[in-house]
């Protein structure tokens, strides 16, 4: 597997600051700065025996002042019964209601975690309209410069605002904050973890092209493929690498490497060829030197993964489950296992 990294002629390792600057300039666009002011409103969403009495569900309205403009968005927060402090997830999600397909609420509680459910469309719509939601705050005329951020960076920015609230909540353990997401939101989780070191754990589920998967010689989705429909996820500069991956001054292992010295796990599915599990695992290998440079264990693995394999020993974890493109309960259980192995 390491020979495949050399075959793909990946760029040599730079500092984390240099890698993050390249990723923002050439792929995602530069992350917006934190808001000038931020405040929160908290209200309980359910008063009955939600989650069988194991926890309570709250809605947090996050109110941001950006220059002279105001922007607010809601997130759900599930808190276990008890005093805590509890480890917790910021789950960047396709679904708003709790529980949902990608948010197995009782299993999360049963494993001792609290969790935010951040519905991405509440931040800015998943389309090319740059006057919508948070995008309209930064680009009131809907126009961007080549290095201006796309929608992925805005969703990642919102995940960090959940951490701003978490710092005010005594029942949440900021030393055990995790961010996770599936598919395009797995890409988002990686960028959130790379740009905000307060996330101690970062999980990417089936994130594929422009997420965890190495772009060079990708047999699944390519940069050309992703730009046919989803150009707005990225900055305009990223277009120049369509059919030009070999000349990129980076690859996706930079994104994992920027998470050091924290922990990152990558989940793949055996039948998800579009996300290319092999290239997702290659990224783990290629990112490993960034962790080793800091005296940490990187990716501890000596073979191509087979279905059911889990590699959780180092700061980079990887698992390959059977099945298709989905954020399943098996994926969640693997995340719980990876995080527990580090405590």
Protein backbone atom coordinates (compact mmCIF):
# COMPACT_ATOMS: atom_id res chain seq x y z
CA UNK A 1 0.00 0.00 0.00
CA UNK A 2 2.82 2.42 0.77
CA UNK A 3 4.24 1.75 -2.70
CA UNK A 4 0.93 3.04 -4.11
CA UNK A 5 1.53 6.34 -2.33
CA UNK A 6 4.89 6.69 -4.07
CA UNK A 7 3.31 5.72 -7.40
CA UNK A 8 0.83 8.57 -7.01
CA UNK A 9 3.75 11.00 -6.60
CA UNK A 10 2.22 12.77 -3.61
CA UNK A 11 3.84 16.06 -2.59
CA UNK A 12 6.31 16.03 0.30
CA UNK A 13 5.05 16.87 3.77
CA UNK A 14 4.91 20.55 4.71
CA UNK A 15 4.01 22.16 8.02
CA UNK A 16 0.37 21.98 9.09
CA UNK A 17 0.03 25.72 8.64
CA UNK A 18 1.35 25.51 5.08
CA UNK A 19 -0.90 22.58 4.22
CA UNK A 20 -4.03 24.27 5.57
CA UNK A 21 -3.20 27.46 3.68
CA UNK A 22 -2.85 25.50 0.42
CA UNK A 23 -6.10 23.60 0.99
CA UNK A 24 -8.00 26.81 1.62
CA UNK A 25 -6.43 28.72 -1.26
CA UNK A 26 -6.80 25.95 -3.84
CA UNK A 27 -9.80 23.82 -2.79
CA UNK A 28 -12.22 24.94 -0.09
CA UNK A 29 -11.65 28.68 0.04
CA UNK A 30 -10.50 30.56 3.13
CA UNK A 31 -12.54 29.90 6.24
CA UNK A 32 -14.57 32.89 7.45
CA UNK A 33 -13.30 34.40 10.72
CA UNK A 34 -15.25 33.80 13.95
CA UNK A 35 -18.17 36.16 14.51
CA UNK A 36 -17.51 39.50 16.13
CA UNK A 37 -20.15 38.67 18.76
CA UNK A 38 -22.03 35.50 19.60
CA UNK A 39 -24.91 34.68 21.93
CA UNK A 40 -27.22 31.74 22.54
CA UNK A 41 -30.82 30.91 23.41
CA UNK A 42 -31.67 27.50 24.85
CA UNK A 43 -35.11 25.93 25.04
CA UNK A 44 -36.28 22.39 25.69
CA UNK A 45 -37.84 20.75 22.64
CA UNK A 46 -39.57 17.82 24.29
CA UNK A 47 -41.18 17.50 27.72
CA UNK A 48 -42.31 13.87 27.57
CA UNK A 49 -40.25 10.71 28.08
CA UNK A 50 -38.08 11.32 25.04
CA UNK A 51 -35.26 8.75 24.66
CA UNK A 52 -36.96 6.63 27.33
CA UNK A 53 -35.83 9.09 29.99
CA UNK A 54 -32.14 8.66 29.15
CA UNK A 55 -31.71 12.27 28.11
CA UNK A 56 -33.34 15.53 27.08
CA UNK A 57 -33.50 17.33 23.76
CA UNK A 58 -32.86 21.06 23.52
CA UNK A 59 -32.79 23.61 20.73
CA UNK A 60 -29.92 26.09 20.78
CA UNK A 61 -30.31 29.20 18.67
CA UNK A 62 -26.86 30.53 17.81
CA UNK A 63 -26.89 34.27 17.14
CA UNK A 64 -23.87 35.75 15.39
CA UNK A 65 -22.87 39.32 14.69
CA UNK A 66 -20.65 39.58 11.62
CA UNK A 67 -19.62 43.15 11.00
CA UNK A 68 -22.90 45.05 11.02
CA UNK A 69 -24.98 42.02 10.04
CA UNK A 70 -26.84 39.47 12.15
CA UNK A 71 -27.13 35.77 11.36
CA UNK A 72 -28.82 33.06 13.45
CA UNK A 73 -29.26 29.33 13.03
CA UNK A 74 -30.67 26.55 15.24
CA UNK A 75 -29.05 23.29 16.35
CA UNK A 76 -30.46 20.43 18.40
CA UNK A 77 -28.58 19.32 21.50
CA UNK A 78 -29.18 15.95 23.14
CA UNK A 79 -27.90 15.80 26.71
CA UNK A 80 -27.80 12.60 28.79
CA UNK A 81 -29.29 12.52 32.27
CA UNK A 82 -26.68 13.11 34.94
CA UNK A 83 -24.17 15.79 35.78
CA UNK A 84 -21.44 14.99 33.26
CA UNK A 85 -19.29 16.37 31.85
CA UNK A 86 -19.99 14.16 28.85
CA UNK A 87 -17.99 13.59 25.68
CA UNK A 88 -19.99 14.85 22.76
CA UNK A 89 -20.40 14.95 19.00
CA UNK A 90 -21.17 17.74 16.60
CA UNK A 91 -22.94 15.69 13.94
CA UNK A 92 -23.24 17.68 10.70
CA UNK A 93 -26.37 16.16 9.24
CA UNK A 94 -28.65 15.86 6.22
CA UNK A 95 -31.68 15.46 8.50
CA UNK A 96 -33.20 17.93 10.97
CA UNK A 97 -35.47 15.83 13.17
CA UNK A 98 -34.02 13.83 16.05
CA UNK A 99 -33.60 10.88 15.87
CA UNK A 100 -33.08 10.33 12.15
CA UNK A 101 -31.38 8.08 9.60
CA UNK A 102 -27.94 9.43 10.45
CA UNK A 103 -28.43 10.08 14.16
CA UNK A 104 -29.18 6.95 16.28
CA UNK A 105 -30.05 8.94 19.38
CA UNK A 106 -30.52 6.18 21.95
CA UNK A 107 -27.36 4.36 20.87
CA UNK A 108 -25.42 7.60 21.27
CA UNK A 109 -26.83 8.08 24.76
CA UNK A 110 -26.28 4.43 25.67
CA UNK A 111 -22.61 4.88 24.85
CA UNK A 112 -22.32 7.85 27.17
CA UNK A 113 -22.25 10.71 24.66
CA UNK A 114 -24.12 13.96 24.23
CA UNK A 115 -24.60 15.23 20.69
CA UNK A 116 -25.44 18.28 18.60
CA UNK A 117 -27.42 17.68 15.44
CA UNK A 118 -26.48 20.44 12.98
CA UNK A 119 -28.76 20.48 9.94
CA UNK A 120 -26.60 21.87 7.15
CA UNK A 121 -29.37 23.62 5.22
CA UNK A 122 -30.12 25.75 8.30
CA UNK A 123 -26.72 27.38 7.70
CA UNK A 124 -26.81 27.82 3.93
CA UNK A 125 -28.66 25.84 1.27
CA UNK A 126 -26.94 23.00 -0.56
CA UNK A 127 -27.06 24.74 -3.92
CA UNK A 128 -25.28 27.40 -5.97
CA UNK A 129 -27.19 30.32 -4.47
CA UNK A 130 -24.59 32.42 -2.68
CA UNK A 131 -27.15 34.90 -1.42
CA UNK A 132 -28.76 32.26 0.82
CA UNK A 133 -28.30 32.13 4.61
CA UNK A 134 -24.72 32.55 5.82
CA UNK A 135 -23.51 32.81 2.21
CA UNK A 136 -25.59 35.96 1.79
CA UNK A 137 -23.87 37.53 4.79
CA UNK A 138 -20.46 37.14 3.17
CA UNK A 139 -21.52 37.56 -0.47
CA UNK A 140 -24.59 39.84 -0.58
CA UNK A 141 -24.41 40.07 -4.36
CA UNK A 142 -23.82 36.31 -4.71
CA UNK A 143 -20.41 36.79 -6.32
CA UNK A 144 -17.14 35.30 -5.09
CA UNK A 145 -13.45 35.87 -5.69
CA UNK A 146 -11.34 32.81 -6.72
CA UNK A 147 -10.18 32.11 -3.14
CA UNK A 148 -13.49 32.82 -1.40
CA UNK A 149 -14.98 29.90 0.46
CA UNK A 150 -17.68 27.57 -0.80
CA UNK A 151 -20.51 25.92 1.08
CA UNK A 152 -18.38 23.19 2.73
CA UNK A 153 -16.32 25.81 4.55
CA UNK A 154 -19.48 27.59 5.71
CA UNK A 155 -20.94 24.38 7.14
CA UNK A 156 -17.60 23.73 8.88
CA UNK A 157 -17.69 27.27 10.28
CA UNK A 158 -21.10 26.54 11.79
CA UNK A 159 -19.77 23.38 13.45
CA UNK A 160 -17.21 25.53 15.26
CA UNK A 161 -19.99 27.78 16.52
CA UNK A 162 -21.46 24.70 18.24
CA UNK A 163 -18.17 24.47 20.12
CA UNK A 164 -18.54 28.12 21.12
CA UNK A 165 -21.79 27.15 22.80
CA UNK A 166 -20.31 23.96 24.27
CA UNK A 167 -17.75 26.06 26.12
CA UNK A 168 -20.67 27.55 28.08
CA UNK A 169 -22.36 24.21 28.90
CA UNK A 170 -21.03 22.55 32.07
CA UNK A 171 -22.44 19.15 31.07
CA UNK A 172 -20.17 18.99 27.99
CA UNK A 173 -16.51 17.92 28.15
CA UNK A 174 -14.48 20.16 25.83
CA UNK A 175 -11.53 17.79 26.15
CA UNK A 176 -13.58 15.14 24.35
CA UNK A 177 -15.29 17.08 21.57
CA UNK A 178 -15.85 15.20 18.30
CA UNK A 179 -17.13 16.23 14.88
CA UNK A 180 -18.54 13.78 12.36
CA UNK A 181 -20.38 13.69 9.06
CA UNK A 182 -21.24 11.48 6.10
CA UNK A 183 -20.47 11.95 2.39
CA UNK A 184 -20.26 15.71 1.60
CA UNK A 185 -20.67 16.33 5.31
CA UNK A 186 -17.78 13.95 5.98
CA UNK A 187 -15.69 16.32 3.87
CA UNK A 188 -17.09 19.12 6.02
CA UNK A 189 -16.18 17.35 9.27
CA UNK A 190 -12.59 16.90 8.11
CA UNK A 191 -12.28 20.59 7.24
CA UNK A 192 -13.84 21.54 10.58
CA UNK A 193 -11.35 19.38 12.44
CA UNK A 194 -8.42 20.64 10.38
CA UNK A 195 -9.29 24.29 11.02
CA UNK A 196 -10.47 24.09 14.65
CA UNK A 197 -8.14 22.22 17.05
CA UNK A 198 -10.82 22.22 19.75
CA UNK A 199 -12.22 19.12 18.01
CA UNK A 200 -10.27 16.36 19.73
CA UNK A 201 -11.84 13.67 17.52
CA UNK A 202 -12.77 13.94 13.85
CA UNK A 203 -14.66 11.33 11.82
CA UNK A 204 -15.21 11.19 8.08
CA UNK A 205 -17.75 8.63 6.84
CA UNK A 206 -17.63 7.68 3.13
CA UNK A 207 -16.39 11.19 2.25
CA UNK A 208 -14.59 10.13 -0.95
CA UNK A 209 -13.53 12.68 -3.57
CA UNK A 210 -12.40 16.00 -2.09
CA UNK A 211 -12.79 14.42 1.34
CA UNK A 212 -10.63 11.57 2.61
CA UNK A 213 -9.83 9.94 -0.77
CA UNK A 214 -6.56 10.63 -2.57
CA UNK A 215 -7.40 12.44 -5.84
CA UNK A 216 -4.56 11.10 -7.95
CA UNK A 217 -5.53 8.01 -9.97
CA UNK A 218 -8.94 7.93 -8.33
CA UNK A 219 -11.08 5.18 -9.87
CA UNK A 220 -14.24 6.55 -8.24
CA UNK A 221 -15.58 10.08 -8.33
CA UNK A 222 -13.11 12.60 -9.77
CA UNK A 223 -12.72 16.35 -9.54
CA UNK A 224 -14.38 16.63 -12.95
CA UNK A 225 -17.32 14.51 -11.75
CA UNK A 226 -17.85 16.51 -8.59
CA UNK A 227 -17.79 19.83 -10.44
CA UNK A 228 -20.63 18.81 -12.74
CA UNK A 229 -23.12 19.33 -9.94
CA UNK A 230 -21.34 20.53 -6.81
CA UNK A 231 -18.92 23.27 -7.86
CA UNK A 232 -20.38 25.49 -5.14
CA UNK A 233 -18.96 23.33 -2.37
CA UNK A 234 -15.49 24.67 -3.20
CA UNK A 235 -13.67 27.85 -4.12
CA UNK A 236 -13.39 28.80 -7.78
CA UNK A 237 -9.66 27.99 -7.80
CA UNK A 238 -10.43 24.27 -7.50
CA UNK A 239 -11.71 24.17 -11.09
CA UNK A 240 -8.18 24.36 -12.47
CA UNK A 241 -7.50 20.82 -11.25
CA UNK A 242 -10.23 19.22 -13.38
CA UNK A 243 -8.38 16.48 -15.32
CA UNK A 244 -5.21 17.98 -13.83
CA UNK A 245 -4.78 16.13 -10.53
CA UNK A 246 -1.11 15.37 -11.14
CA UNK A 247 -0.29 19.08 -11.00
CA UNK A 248 -2.08 19.73 -7.71
CA UNK A 249 0.31 21.15 -5.08
CA UNK A 250 -1.55 19.02 -2.51
CA UNK A 251 -3.73 15.97 -2.11
CA UNK A 252 -6.37 14.96 0.39
CA UNK A 253 -3.94 13.53 2.94
CA UNK A 254 -3.10 17.17 3.70
CA UNK A 255 -6.58 17.47 5.21
CA UNK A 256 -6.03 14.52 7.56
CA UNK A 257 -2.50 15.72 8.38
CA UNK A 258 -3.79 19.12 9.53
CA UNK A 259 -5.78 17.37 12.29
CA UNK A 260 -2.58 16.33 14.11
CA UNK A 261 -2.04 16.08 17.08
CA UNK A 262 -5.72 15.23 17.54
CA UNK A 263 -7.42 12.02 16.43
CA UNK A 264 -9.02 11.31 13.05
CA UNK A 265 -10.93 8.23 11.90
CA UNK A 266 -12.01 7.38 8.37
CA UNK A 267 -14.87 4.99 7.66
CA UNK A 268 -15.33 3.30 4.28
CA UNK A 269 -17.91 0.90 2.81
CA UNK A 270 -16.89 -2.07 0.68
CA UNK A 271 -19.49 -1.46 -2.05
CA UNK A 272 -19.04 2.31 -2.18
CA UNK A 273 -16.79 2.40 -5.24
CA UNK A 274 -17.70 6.04 -5.97
CA UNK A 275 -16.02 7.07 -2.70
CA UNK A 276 -13.08 4.72 -3.44
CA UNK A 277 -12.24 2.98 -0.14
CA UNK A 278 -8.70 2.14 -1.30
CA UNK A 279 -7.86 5.81 -1.87
CA UNK A 280 -9.42 6.72 1.48
CA UNK A 281 -7.09 4.24 3.16
CA UNK A 282 -4.14 5.55 1.13
CA UNK A 283 -4.81 8.99 2.55
CA UNK A 284 -4.41 7.58 6.06
CA UNK A 285 -1.00 6.16 5.11
CA UNK A 286 0.11 9.40 3.46
CA UNK A 287 -0.99 11.60 6.40
CA UNK A 288 0.83 9.48 8.96
CA UNK A 289 4.19 11.34 8.86
CA UNK A 290 2.52 14.53 10.12
CA UNK A 291 1.59 12.72 13.32
CA UNK A 292 4.92 10.90 13.61
CA UNK A 293 6.69 14.25 13.28
CA UNK A 294 5.03 15.25 16.56
CA UNK A 295 6.11 12.05 18.30
CA UNK A 296 2.72 10.38 17.89
CA UNK A 297 1.60 7.15 16.32
CA UNK A 298 0.08 7.84 12.94
CA UNK A 299 -1.63 5.10 10.93
CA UNK A 300 -0.69 1.65 12.24
CA UNK A 301 -1.39 -0.71 9.35
CA UNK A 302 0.66 -2.89 7.00
CA UNK A 303 -1.87 -4.09 4.43
CA UNK A 304 -4.81 -3.18 2.24
CA UNK A 305 -7.97 -3.35 4.33
CA UNK A 306 -10.40 -6.24 3.95
CA UNK A 307 -14.08 -6.10 4.86
CA UNK A 308 -14.40 -5.97 8.64
CA UNK A 309 -10.86 -4.73 9.26
CA UNK A 310 -10.32 -2.02 11.88
CA UNK A 311 -7.06 -0.18 12.49
CA UNK A 312 -7.44 1.85 15.67
CA UNK A 313 -4.01 1.76 17.31
CA UNK A 314 -2.67 5.14 16.21
CA UNK A 315 -3.97 8.70 16.03
CA UNK A 316 -5.36 7.84 12.58
CA UNK A 317 -8.07 5.17 12.58
CA UNK A 318 -9.57 3.40 9.59
CA UNK A 319 -12.27 0.77 9.16
CA UNK A 320 -13.91 -0.91 6.19
CA UNK A 321 -17.40 -2.29 6.69
CA UNK A 322 -19.52 -4.33 4.31
CA UNK A 323 -22.23 -2.47 2.42
CA UNK A 324 -23.07 0.71 0.59
CA UNK A 325 -22.90 4.50 0.95
CA UNK A 326 -24.65 5.21 4.27
CA UNK A 327 -23.95 6.40 7.82
CA UNK A 328 -25.02 3.23 9.60
CA UNK A 329 -25.21 2.18 13.21
CA UNK A 330 -22.21 -0.05 12.54
CA UNK A 331 -20.28 3.09 11.59
CA UNK A 332 -21.38 4.81 14.79
CA UNK A 333 -20.34 1.79 16.87
CA UNK A 334 -16.91 1.87 15.25
CA UNK A 335 -16.59 5.57 16.11
CA UNK A 336 -17.51 4.85 19.74
CA UNK A 337 -14.89 2.09 19.83
CA UNK A 338 -12.19 4.32 18.33
CA UNK A 339 -12.84 7.14 20.80
CA UNK A 340 -12.97 4.77 23.79
CA UNK A 341 -9.64 3.29 22.73
CA UNK A 342 -8.03 6.71 23.25
CA UNK A 343 -9.30 7.34 26.77
